[in-house]
């Protein structure tokens, strides 16, 4: 069961998505589910995650994604604790999420299925 505030997913940028998928499949036996030409997800590798073609304006580093049962309540907690919201709540296939920067400037995301 997913828990509030726990690491649930990690996204990595992949400038060459086909080569990245081929590498992880050959080296570690990973398999992928493609969500369009720019995103490939994996499961069961210690944590779930995905590789994505970097989009303009996106950070070129891994993105740790935390879980929240109530995304609005988690947004309020994160904001009250001093985070800077870098992307307000938005919808994506599978749920909704927001991004924030912690006091050291690390960008993370929080997602919810609802």
Protein backbone atom coordinates (compact mmCIF):
# COMPACT_ATOMS: atom_id res chain seq x y z
CA UNK A 1 0.00 0.00 0.00
CA UNK A 2 1.25 3.46 -0.85
CA UNK A 3 2.00 5.80 2.04
CA UNK A 4 2.01 9.59 2.31
CA UNK A 5 5.42 11.17 1.89
CA UNK A 6 7.22 7.96 0.89
CA UNK A 7 9.38 7.64 -2.21
CA UNK A 8 7.14 5.97 -4.78
CA UNK A 9 8.69 6.61 -8.19
CA UNK A 10 11.83 8.01 -9.82
CA UNK A 11 12.03 9.55 -13.27
CA UNK A 12 15.28 9.88 -15.20
CA UNK A 13 15.92 11.99 -18.28
CA UNK A 14 16.87 9.96 -21.36
CA UNK A 15 18.24 11.91 -24.29
CA UNK A 16 18.21 8.70 -26.37
CA UNK A 17 15.21 6.79 -25.06
CA UNK A 18 15.57 3.69 -27.32
CA UNK A 19 19.26 3.30 -26.41
CA UNK A 20 18.51 3.81 -22.70
CA UNK A 21 15.79 1.15 -22.76
CA UNK A 22 18.07 -1.23 -24.65
CA UNK A 23 20.87 -0.72 -22.12
CA UNK A 24 18.73 -1.43 -19.03
CA UNK A 25 17.09 -4.40 -20.73
CA UNK A 26 20.45 -5.92 -21.70
CA UNK A 27 22.32 -5.09 -18.48
CA UNK A 28 19.61 -5.81 -15.91
CA UNK A 29 16.74 -7.55 -17.69
CA UNK A 30 14.32 -4.67 -17.20
CA UNK A 31 11.16 -4.47 -19.30
CA UNK A 32 9.21 -1.34 -20.13
CA UNK A 33 5.73 -0.05 -20.85
CA UNK A 34 5.77 2.80 -23.35
CA UNK A 35 3.48 5.78 -22.81
CA UNK A 36 3.95 7.52 -26.13
CA UNK A 37 7.25 8.13 -27.90
CA UNK A 38 8.79 10.15 -25.04
CA UNK A 39 8.16 8.01 -21.94
CA UNK A 40 8.94 4.44 -20.87
CA UNK A 41 7.96 3.14 -17.42
CA UNK A 42 9.35 0.18 -15.48
CA UNK A 43 8.18 -1.72 -12.39
CA UNK A 44 9.63 -4.05 -9.80
CA UNK A 45 13.22 -2.82 -9.84
CA UNK A 46 13.42 -1.83 -6.17
CA UNK A 47 11.16 1.10 -6.88
CA UNK A 48 9.06 1.90 -9.92
CA UNK A 49 10.10 4.61 -12.32
CA UNK A 50 10.48 5.78 -15.84
CA UNK A 51 12.72 7.32 -18.45
CA UNK A 52 11.57 10.38 -20.35
CA UNK A 53 12.84 12.47 -23.21
CA UNK A 54 13.75 15.82 -21.63
CA UNK A 55 11.26 18.54 -22.43
CA UNK A 56 12.14 22.20 -22.84
CA UNK A 57 12.45 23.82 -19.41
CA UNK A 58 12.71 20.53 -17.52
CA UNK A 59 15.55 19.69 -15.17
CA UNK A 60 18.18 17.40 -16.69
CA UNK A 61 18.50 15.21 -13.59
CA UNK A 62 16.51 12.47 -11.84
CA UNK A 63 13.20 13.43 -10.26
CA UNK A 64 12.17 11.68 -7.04
CA UNK A 65 8.39 11.38 -6.76
CA UNK A 66 6.65 11.02 -3.39
CA UNK A 67 3.09 9.79 -2.86
CA UNK A 68 0.08 11.52 -1.23
CA UNK A 69 -3.43 10.22 -0.62
CA UNK A 70 -4.67 13.85 -0.52
CA UNK A 71 -2.58 15.96 -2.88
CA UNK A 72 -4.10 19.29 -1.82
CA UNK A 73 -3.33 18.55 1.86
CA UNK A 74 0.24 17.54 0.97
CA UNK A 75 0.69 20.71 -1.11
CA UNK A 76 -0.37 22.75 1.93
CA UNK A 77 2.08 20.86 4.21
CA UNK A 78 4.97 21.22 1.79
CA UNK A 79 4.28 24.92 1.33
CA UNK A 80 3.94 25.51 5.09
CA UNK A 81 7.27 23.74 5.64
CA UNK A 82 8.99 26.25 3.35
CA UNK A 83 9.16 24.63 -0.09
CA UNK A 84 8.94 26.61 -3.29
CA UNK A 85 6.30 25.22 -5.64
CA UNK A 86 7.90 24.91 -9.06
CA UNK A 87 4.89 23.35 -10.87
CA UNK A 88 1.40 23.65 -9.39
CA UNK A 89 -0.92 20.63 -9.36
CA UNK A 90 -1.48 19.27 -12.86
CA UNK A 91 -3.08 16.16 -14.34
CA UNK A 92 -1.18 13.44 -16.16
CA UNK A 93 -2.12 9.91 -17.30
CA UNK A 94 -2.62 8.06 -14.02
CA UNK A 95 -3.30 10.92 -11.62
CA UNK A 96 -2.19 14.39 -10.59
CA UNK A 97 1.05 15.81 -9.24
CA UNK A 98 2.99 18.94 -8.33
CA UNK A 99 6.70 19.75 -8.16
CA UNK A 100 8.56 21.63 -5.45
CA UNK A 101 12.07 22.72 -4.50
CA UNK A 102 13.33 22.02 -0.99
CA UNK A 103 15.48 24.57 0.89
CA UNK A 104 18.63 23.21 -0.82
CA UNK A 105 17.10 23.61 -4.28
CA UNK A 106 16.43 19.92 -4.93
CA UNK A 107 13.35 19.44 -7.10
CA UNK A 108 10.95 16.66 -6.11
CA UNK A 109 7.37 15.84 -7.05
CA UNK A 110 4.31 14.55 -5.19
CA UNK A 111 1.67 12.52 -6.97
CA UNK A 112 -1.76 11.13 -6.19
CA UNK A 113 -4.09 8.82 -8.08
CA UNK A 114 -7.00 11.23 -7.52
